[in-house]
Every structure is written in structure tokens, then in C-alpha cells.
Protein backbone atom coordinates (compact mmCIF):
# COMPACT_ATOMS: atom_id res chain seq x y z
CA MET A 1 58.22 4.32 -0.56
CA LEU A 2 58.49 7.25 1.85
CA ARG A 3 54.94 8.32 1.04
CA VAL A 4 53.59 4.92 2.05
CA LEU A 5 55.57 4.94 5.30
CA LEU A 6 54.32 8.43 6.17
CA ALA A 7 50.82 7.22 5.39
CA LEU A 8 51.45 4.40 7.85
CA VAL A 9 52.47 6.96 10.44
CA LEU A 10 49.27 8.94 9.88
CA ALA A 11 46.69 6.24 9.18
CA THR A 12 45.12 5.63 12.56
CA LEU A 13 41.60 6.40 11.57
CA SER A 14 40.90 3.74 9.02
CA LEU A 15 38.36 0.95 9.19
CA ASP A 16 38.07 -2.71 8.39
CA ALA A 17 37.56 -3.15 4.65
CA ALA A 18 34.37 -5.17 4.99
CA ALA A 19 32.82 -2.45 7.13
CA GLN A 20 33.20 -0.01 4.22
CA ARG A 21 31.43 -2.11 1.60
CA PRO A 22 28.55 -0.23 0.04
CA PRO A 23 25.10 -1.81 0.16
CA LEU A 24 24.45 -4.44 -2.51
CA VAL A 25 22.41 -3.01 -5.36
CA VAL A 26 21.14 -4.70 -8.53
CA PRO A 27 20.27 -1.87 -10.92
CA ASP A 28 17.35 -2.18 -13.33
CA ASP A 29 18.98 0.16 -15.84
CA PRO A 30 22.47 -0.69 -17.14
CA ALA A 31 23.17 3.04 -17.34
CA THR A 32 22.64 3.49 -13.59
CA VAL A 33 25.61 5.13 -11.85
CA LEU A 34 26.24 3.18 -8.64
CA GLU A 35 29.11 5.30 -7.35
CA ARG A 36 31.31 8.16 -8.46
CA LEU A 37 34.90 7.35 -7.59
CA PRO A 38 37.32 10.06 -6.45
CA GLU A 39 39.76 11.64 -8.85
CA GLY A 40 42.66 9.38 -9.73
CA TYR A 41 40.84 6.07 -9.22
CA ALA A 42 40.70 5.25 -12.92
CA GLU A 43 44.47 4.76 -13.02
CA LEU A 44 44.23 2.27 -10.15
CA MET A 45 41.65 -0.03 -11.69
CA PRO A 46 42.89 -3.36 -13.09
CA ARG A 47 42.83 -3.70 -16.87
CA ALA A 48 42.90 -6.65 -19.22
CA GLY A 49 46.48 -7.62 -19.94
CA ASP A 50 47.86 -5.93 -16.81
CA ALA A 51 51.36 -6.99 -15.85
CA PRO A 52 51.89 -9.13 -12.73
CA ALA A 53 51.63 -7.44 -9.34
CA SER A 54 54.22 -4.71 -8.88
CA LEU A 55 55.28 -2.70 -5.87
CA GLU A 56 54.68 0.51 -7.81
CA ARG A 57 51.01 -0.33 -8.31
CA ILE A 58 50.66 -1.54 -4.71
CA GLU A 59 52.19 1.71 -3.45
CA ALA A 60 49.81 3.74 -5.63
CA LEU A 61 46.83 1.87 -4.18
CA LEU A 62 48.03 2.42 -0.62
CA ARG A 63 48.81 6.11 -1.14
CA THR A 64 45.31 6.73 -2.48
CA ALA A 65 43.76 4.70 0.36
CA ALA A 66 45.67 6.74 2.92
CA ARG A 67 44.52 10.00 1.35
CA THR A 68 40.86 9.08 0.88
CA GLY A 69 40.27 6.58 3.71
CA ASP A 70 38.90 4.03 1.21
CA ALA A 71 39.68 0.59 2.64
CA ARG A 72 38.62 -1.12 -0.59
CA LEU A 73 41.90 -0.01 -2.10
CA VAL A 74 43.78 -1.53 0.81
CA ALA A 75 41.98 -4.82 0.14
CA ARG A 76 43.05 -4.65 -3.50
CA ALA A 77 46.64 -3.90 -2.50
CA GLU A 78 46.57 -6.78 -0.05
CA GLY A 79 45.41 -9.11 -2.83
CA GLU A 80 48.27 -7.95 -5.03
CA LEU A 81 50.76 -8.43 -2.21
CA ALA A 82 49.57 -12.02 -1.78
CA ARG A 83 50.69 -12.84 -5.31
CA PHE A 84 53.76 -10.64 -5.30
CA PRO A 85 56.53 -12.67 -6.92
CA GLN A 86 59.56 -11.31 -5.12
CA GLY A 87 61.11 -12.53 -1.86
CA GLY A 88 59.29 -11.95 1.39
CA ASN A 89 62.09 -9.80 2.79
CA ALA A 90 62.13 -7.14 0.09
CA PRO A 91 62.12 -3.89 2.14
CA ALA A 92 59.39 -2.21 0.07
CA ALA A 93 57.17 -5.29 0.37
CA LEU A 94 57.69 -5.40 4.15
CA ARG A 95 56.67 -1.76 4.37
CA ALA A 96 53.54 -2.37 2.32
CA ARG A 97 52.57 -5.39 4.41
CA ALA A 98 53.09 -3.38 7.60
CA TYR A 99 50.84 -0.66 6.22
CA VAL A 100 48.06 -3.10 5.35
CA ALA A 101 48.21 -4.72 8.81
CA GLN A 102 48.19 -1.35 10.57
CA TYR A 103 45.31 -0.14 8.42
CA ARG A 104 43.32 -3.11 9.71
CA HIS A 105 44.37 -2.25 13.28
CA ASP A 106 46.39 -5.45 13.52
CA PHE A 107 49.19 -3.61 15.26
CA GLU A 108 51.09 -6.67 16.40
CA LYS A 109 51.33 -8.03 12.86
CA ALA A 110 52.34 -4.61 11.58
CA ARG A 111 55.02 -4.46 14.26
CA GLU A 112 56.29 -7.88 13.17
CA TRP A 113 56.77 -6.65 9.61
CA LEU A 114 58.51 -3.47 10.77
CA ASP A 115 60.70 -5.42 13.19
CA ARG A 116 61.81 -7.60 10.26
CA LEU A 117 62.51 -4.51 8.21
CA VAL A 118 64.56 -2.86 10.97
CA ALA A 119 66.49 -6.11 11.50
CA ILE A 120 67.41 -6.13 7.81
CA ALA A 121 68.09 -2.39 7.61
CA PRO A 122 68.72 -0.97 11.13
CA ARG A 123 69.39 2.50 9.71
CA ASP A 124 66.09 2.71 7.84
CA GLY A 125 64.77 5.97 9.26
CA ASP A 126 61.32 5.59 7.74
CA ALA A 127 60.79 2.21 9.39
CA LEU A 128 61.98 3.48 12.79
CA LEU A 129 59.68 6.50 12.56
CA ALA A 130 56.71 4.34 11.59
CA ARG A 131 57.39 1.89 14.41
CA ALA A 132 57.72 4.73 16.92
CA GLN A 133 54.40 6.22 15.85
CA MET A 134 52.74 2.84 16.12
CA SER A 135 54.13 2.52 19.64
CA LEU A 136 52.62 5.92 20.47
CA VAL A 137 49.21 4.81 19.18
CA GLN A 138 49.46 1.67 21.31
CA GLY A 139 50.55 3.61 24.37
CA ARG A 140 54.01 2.00 24.46
CA LEU A 141 55.78 5.28 25.09
CA ASP A 142 58.99 3.70 26.35
CA GLU A 143 59.42 1.78 23.08
CA ALA A 144 58.63 4.90 21.06
CA ARG A 145 61.26 6.78 23.05
CA ALA A 146 63.88 4.15 22.15
CA ASP A 147 63.18 4.44 18.41
CA CYS A 148 63.12 8.25 18.59
CA SER A 149 66.50 8.21 20.33
CA ALA A 150 67.96 5.91 17.68
CA LEU A 151 66.73 8.27 14.99
CA ALA A 152 67.87 11.48 16.66
CA PHE A 153 71.32 10.31 17.73
CA GLY A 154 72.65 8.37 14.79
CA VAL A 155 70.24 7.46 12.00
CA ASP A 156 68.39 10.55 10.77
CA SER A 157 68.29 13.76 12.81
CA GLY A 158 65.45 15.20 10.71
CA ARG A 159 63.15 12.25 11.29
CA GLY A 160 64.42 12.22 14.87
CA LEU A 161 63.02 15.72 15.34
CA LEU A 162 59.63 14.61 14.01
CA CYS A 163 59.70 11.53 16.22
CA VAL A 164 60.58 13.40 19.42
CA ALA A 165 57.94 16.02 18.58
CA ALA A 166 55.28 13.31 18.28
CA LEU A 167 56.44 11.78 21.57
CA SER A 168 56.37 15.15 23.33
CA GLN A 169 52.89 15.85 22.04
CA ARG A 170 51.67 12.44 23.19
CA CYS A 171 53.07 13.14 26.66
CA GLY A 172 51.02 16.34 26.86
CA GLU A 173 53.98 18.66 26.24
CA ALA A 174 52.42 20.76 23.49
CA ALA A 175 54.86 23.68 23.87
CA ALA A 176 57.88 21.38 23.52
CA ALA A 177 56.31 19.68 20.50
CA ALA A 178 55.64 23.06 18.88
CA ARG A 179 59.28 24.16 19.35
CA LEU A 180 60.61 20.94 17.82
CA LEU A 181 58.23 21.15 14.88
CA ASP A 182 59.07 24.81 14.27
CA ARG A 183 62.72 23.81 14.14
CA TRP A 184 62.00 20.99 11.68
CA LEU A 185 59.86 23.23 9.49
CA ALA A 186 62.59 25.85 9.39
CA LEU A 187 65.05 23.22 8.15
CA ALA A 188 62.66 21.25 5.92
CA ALA A 189 63.84 20.67 2.39
CA ALA A 190 61.50 21.34 -0.52
CA GLY A 191 60.08 18.48 -2.54
CA ASP A 192 58.71 16.27 0.24
CA PRO A 193 55.03 17.23 0.56
CA ASP A 194 54.09 14.13 2.57
CA ALA A 195 56.64 14.78 5.31
CA LEU A 196 55.71 18.46 5.28
CA ARG A 197 52.01 17.71 5.64
CA PHE A 198 52.75 15.28 8.49
CA ALA A 199 54.69 17.99 10.32
CA LEU A 200 52.06 20.68 9.65
CA VAL A 201 49.22 18.51 10.97
CA MET A 202 51.21 17.77 14.13
CA ARG A 203 52.01 21.49 14.49
CA ALA A 204 48.34 22.36 14.08
CA GLU A 205 47.34 19.81 16.71
CA ALA A 206 50.00 21.13 19.09
CA ALA A 207 48.55 24.61 18.67
CA SER A 208 45.03 23.26 19.15
CA HIS A 209 45.94 21.40 22.34
CA ALA A 210 47.64 24.53 23.69
CA GLY A 211 44.72 26.76 22.75
CA ASP A 212 46.88 28.90 20.47
CA ALA A 213 45.19 31.24 18.04
CA ASP A 214 47.27 30.14 15.06
CA ALA A 215 45.96 26.55 14.94
CA ASP A 216 43.70 27.34 11.99
CA GLU A 217 46.60 28.67 9.95
CA TRP A 218 48.62 25.48 10.46
CA PHE A 219 45.66 23.33 9.46
CA ARG A 220 45.05 25.45 6.36
CA ARG A 221 48.67 25.13 5.32
CA ALA A 222 48.40 21.35 5.60
CA LEU A 223 45.19 21.32 3.55
CA GLU A 224 46.81 23.40 0.81
CA LEU A 225 49.16 20.47 0.20
CA ALA A 226 46.36 17.89 0.03
CA PRO A 227 42.81 19.29 0.27
CA ASP A 228 41.19 15.83 0.41
CA ASP A 229 43.54 14.21 2.94
CA VAL A 230 41.38 12.31 5.46
CA ARG A 231 43.74 12.67 8.41
CA THR A 232 44.03 16.45 7.99
CA LEU A 233 40.29 16.96 7.51
CA ALA A 234 39.43 14.86 10.55
CA ALA A 235 41.95 16.61 12.79
CA TYR A 236 40.81 20.05 11.66
CA SER A 237 37.17 19.08 12.16
CA ARG A 238 37.89 17.95 15.74
CA HIS A 239 39.66 21.23 16.39
CA LEU A 240 36.77 23.30 15.07
CA ARG A 241 34.20 21.34 17.08
CA GLY A 242 36.31 21.65 20.21
CA ASP A 243 36.56 25.40 19.59
CA GLY A 244 32.78 25.76 19.44
CA ARG A 245 32.70 26.17 15.65
CA ALA A 246 30.82 23.05 14.65
CA ASP A 247 29.15 24.84 11.74
CA GLU A 248 32.59 25.52 10.25
CA ALA A 249 33.54 21.88 10.78
CA PHE A 250 30.45 20.78 8.88
CA ALA A 251 31.22 23.15 6.01
CA LEU A 252 34.81 21.91 5.88
CA LEU A 253 33.96 18.25 5.28
CA PRO A 254 33.01 16.80 1.87
CA GLU A 255 29.33 16.10 1.31
CA ASN A 256 29.69 12.39 0.49
CA PRO A 257 33.00 11.22 1.94
CA VAL A 258 34.25 7.72 1.17
CA SER A 259 35.80 7.50 4.63
CA GLU A 260 33.45 6.28 7.34
CA HIS A 261 35.38 8.33 9.86
CA LEU A 262 34.63 11.52 7.96
CA GLN A 263 30.99 10.46 7.79
CA LEU A 264 31.06 10.27 11.58
CA GLU A 265 32.81 13.64 11.85
CA ARG A 266 30.15 15.18 9.62
CA ALA A 267 27.33 13.80 11.76
CA LEU A 268 29.06 14.99 14.95
CA ALA A 269 29.48 18.46 13.50
CA ALA A 270 25.87 18.60 12.28
CA GLN A 271 24.52 17.62 15.68
CA ALA A 272 26.78 19.99 17.58
CA ALA A 273 25.75 22.84 15.28
CA GLY A 274 22.05 21.96 15.53
CA LEU A 275 21.72 21.53 11.77
CA SER A 276 18.65 19.99 10.14
CA GLN A 277 20.83 17.40 8.37
CA ALA A 278 21.88 15.79 11.65
CA PRO A 279 19.06 13.17 12.02
CA ALA A 280 19.53 11.83 8.48
CA LEU A 281 23.32 11.64 8.88
CA ILE A 282 22.98 9.83 12.21
CA GLU A 283 20.54 7.31 10.77
CA ALA A 284 22.83 6.72 7.78
CA LEU A 285 25.64 5.85 10.20
CA ALA A 286 23.34 3.56 12.15
CA ARG A 287 22.46 1.69 8.94
CA LEU A 288 26.12 1.45 8.02
CA TYR A 289 27.04 -0.08 11.39
CA ARG A 290 24.08 -2.46 11.26
CA ARG A 291 25.15 -3.68 7.81
CA ALA A 292 28.69 -4.22 9.01
CA HIS A 293 27.56 -6.32 11.96
CA ALA A 294 25.11 -8.23 9.76
CA ILE A 295 27.91 -9.47 7.51
CA GLY A 296 30.17 -10.31 10.45
CA ALA A 297 32.45 -7.30 10.16
CA GLU A 298 33.20 -5.05 13.10
CA PRO A 299 33.23 -1.28 12.57
CA ASP A 300 36.07 0.74 13.99
CA LEU A 301 35.70 0.47 17.77
CA ARG A 302 36.55 4.09 18.47
CA ASP A 303 34.12 5.38 15.87
CA GLU A 304 31.23 3.17 16.90
CA ALA A 305 31.77 3.98 20.57
CA GLU A 306 31.78 7.71 19.75
CA PHE A 307 28.62 7.25 17.71
CA LEU A 308 26.83 5.51 20.58
CA LEU A 309 28.08 7.92 23.23
CA THR A 310 27.59 11.25 21.49
CA LEU A 311 25.00 10.70 18.78
CA ARG A 312 22.85 8.03 20.48
CA ASP A 313 23.41 9.06 24.11
CA ASP A 314 23.91 5.39 24.99
CA SER A 315 26.85 5.33 27.38
CA ALA A 316 26.01 1.79 28.57
CA ALA A 317 26.64 0.46 25.05
CA ALA A 318 29.52 2.83 24.32
CA LEU A 319 31.63 2.04 27.38
CA PRO A 320 32.43 -1.63 26.57
CA LEU A 321 33.49 -0.62 23.05
CA ALA A 322 35.64 2.20 24.42
CA GLN A 323 37.28 -0.27 26.82
CA ARG A 324 37.99 -2.77 24.05
CA ASN A 325 39.36 0.02 21.88
CA PHE A 326 41.67 1.07 24.71
CA ASP A 327 43.06 -2.46 24.85
CA SER A 328 44.80 -1.86 21.51
CA GLN A 329 44.78 1.92 20.94
CA ARG A 330 45.85 4.45 23.57
CA ASP A 331 46.25 7.67 21.67
CA ARG A 332 44.84 10.95 23.02
CA GLU A 333 41.44 10.43 21.40
CA ASP A 334 41.19 6.87 22.72
CA VAL A 335 41.93 7.97 26.29
CA ASP A 336 39.51 10.88 26.04
CA LEU A 337 36.75 8.64 24.69
CA LEU A 338 37.16 6.09 27.48
CA ARG A 339 37.09 8.77 30.17
CA ARG A 340 33.98 10.44 28.72
CA ALA A 341 32.19 7.11 28.35
CA ALA A 342 33.01 6.07 31.92
CA ALA A 343 31.89 9.44 33.27
CA ALA A 344 28.63 9.36 31.29
CA ALA A 345 27.90 5.82 32.49
CA GLY A 346 28.76 6.66 36.10
CA ARG A 347 31.43 3.93 36.08
CA PRO A 348 34.69 5.42 37.45
CA GLU A 349 35.96 1.88 38.21
CA ALA A 350 36.11 1.29 34.45
CA LEU A 351 39.18 3.53 34.40
CA ALA A 352 41.36 1.26 36.55
CA GLN A 353 43.27 -0.05 33.51
CA LEU A 354 43.73 3.47 32.19
CA ARG A 355 45.20 4.68 35.47
CA ALA A 356 47.53 1.69 35.77
CA TRP A 357 48.77 2.25 32.23
CA ALA A 358 49.34 5.98 32.86
CA VAL A 359 51.44 5.19 35.93
CA SER A 360 53.45 2.57 34.02
CA GLN A 361 54.29 5.13 31.33
CA SER A 362 54.91 8.05 33.74
CA LEU A 363 52.08 9.85 31.99
CA GLU A 364 50.06 12.43 33.87
CA LEU A 365 46.38 12.39 32.94
CA PRO A 366 44.81 15.84 32.69
CA ALA A 367 41.84 16.60 34.88
CA THR A 368 38.44 16.31 33.21
CA GLY A 369 35.27 17.07 35.08
CA ALA A 370 32.65 15.74 37.42
CA GLY A 371 31.83 12.07 37.31
CA GLU A 372 35.41 10.79 37.30
CA ASP A 373 37.60 10.05 40.29
CA GLU A 374 40.99 11.73 40.59
CA ALA A 375 43.45 10.09 38.17
């Protein structure tokens, strides 16, 4: 179940399942191909005579969802969990339920499941690491620090290193995070590609935040382990765009990604690079968001706010979404989005909650640019 827990740690980019539904199509020709599913999907499809729901099948669905960003698989796993015959406190089932809740951005419910798991098994290093990472995403740095300390000083020193590295990186201490991750990587045992990829992506982001020249090499090493991993592709794309290499970011991303977040990344890269594909990609995203709202589903707040701010130049519409997103998610990208939206809208007062939170967590906000008051 470690792979699912590490997916939980990494899966902060995923969207509500209903928002990812493809448009309804009634083909005229029974031979019409509606969609080509990624490699490995055939083994996940239900078959006549399938056995009752099993944790192994649920874990397979969730692992593939984490890799591809396809929320439909999470919905299928959730359906299987609902009819899972075993007791509600089975550790593997609690982990899976926490993953599903976190994937839907229901962080409080996910925390409830993890709290139950930790209460049952207080030395479960995977659960402590997942809960710490969730606290970091929510901006509850003090709670993350407590779980990292428990890991480092008694439960699992290896996962403790990863946890403290993530905490250091979230606090803006990229050099400290890099040192901790280098130490973990030097000690890492073979045979755990998910943990290794997690560490390599963090190491790449630490290098990116510090402006180090070796960021690309760390990202490439992570991609060698899983070339289609959504989290790695998105992080590398952000790095390339931030480094003024939007054309490379566009070339990096798959042409027809299942993940809506990668669709957004592709449109952002195309626009930043001035490519001819940009208008069509932007309009495709607009249609996707309109469909989601039409069926009563809400797209990912961060993604839609970024779309409105950067691709539609509509800061007035983007700012309320960025504020709502900040209510539940306070990772680096969420803070950056809110600050950019407030600056573009000429609304420095919209950052009052951000400043109060930063003070409460002893977190120093980096300077940005004109249009924002001193933090």
C-alpha cells in the first residue's frame, strides 16, 4: 500500500471526477472509437464474473489514477470501496478512503481517515508522512512539524528525512531541503521507485526554487522512473516556463493528456511560447470548464483561477476563485496565484488573510513586485 500512500502525498493537482467527464457522444457508427485509454487500463476494467471488491483492485485503480490524473478511476475505486466487505478499520481500506477524499480536495475527511489510521497504528510511517504532507498543502505547518518530528525521532528516520525536507522546502529553505534530500538519496534502498520518484521531484523543485543549474537533471531522473507521471510532468513544465523555456515545456507534455491539469499546463506553455496552437487549446479549456459548471460540477479552483488570470486576462473573475482556493490549499502555488491575482486586480486588501496566516505560521513571504503592499 506504500505506492498508494505516496500517491496521496503527491496528488495535489487532481480534479473533481465529474469535471473530467468527456462530452456525451452518441456515435452513428458502432465502430467509432470514442477514446483511446492509456496503457494498462484494460486490466482495470470490470469483467463479467469478477470477484467481489478487493483492496488489490482498488489499489491498482488508485495507483493508475495518481499516475495519469484520471479521476474516473478514482470514482470507480470509490464505488468499490463502498461495497468493500471488510471492517471499516482495516488499515489498507482507511488509506484508500483517505486517498479518495484527498483526491477530491476534501482534506478534512481525508484527515479524519488518516487520524483513525494513526490512532490504530501510531507507528505507521506512511500514514504520518501522508498526514504531514496534507498539513503542508493546507498551510498547517505546525501540525506538519509535529508529524515530521514523530517520524524522525522514533518511527522511521528515512521517512522523517523526506518529511523534514518537504517542510523545509515549504518554509522557503530550499538549500536545507536539498541537503536533506541528498542525504536521503545517498541512503535510499533499491526497489522503491515510488519513494525515489517522490524524493527526486522534491529535489528538482528545490533546485528550481534556488535557481540551480541542475534542476533539469533531477526532473529527468524522476521522469526516467515514470515518464507519464502527472505530478512530475506538471512540476517540470512549471520549471521550464519559469525559466523562460515555454517551448520546451510544450514539447514535454503529451498531446492529448487525460489530466485536466496537464491540459492547462499545455495551454499555458503554448501561450507563453507564442505558439499557433494556443487559441485552440485555450478554447478547449473554456469549453471544458463550461461543461463542468453546466452539470453542477466545480473545476479545480486553482486551475480555473489560473486559466482566468493568465489565459483570459480576467483578474476580476480570477481573484475570488484564488481566494476560495486559498481557504483550503496554501501550498506555494496557491500563495503565488493569490498574490498575482490580487496584484493584477489592484486589490492589495485581498491579501489580508494571507498575511495573517503567514504570521501565524512564522512564514516569511518573499517579495514579489509592484502592485502588492509589503507583506
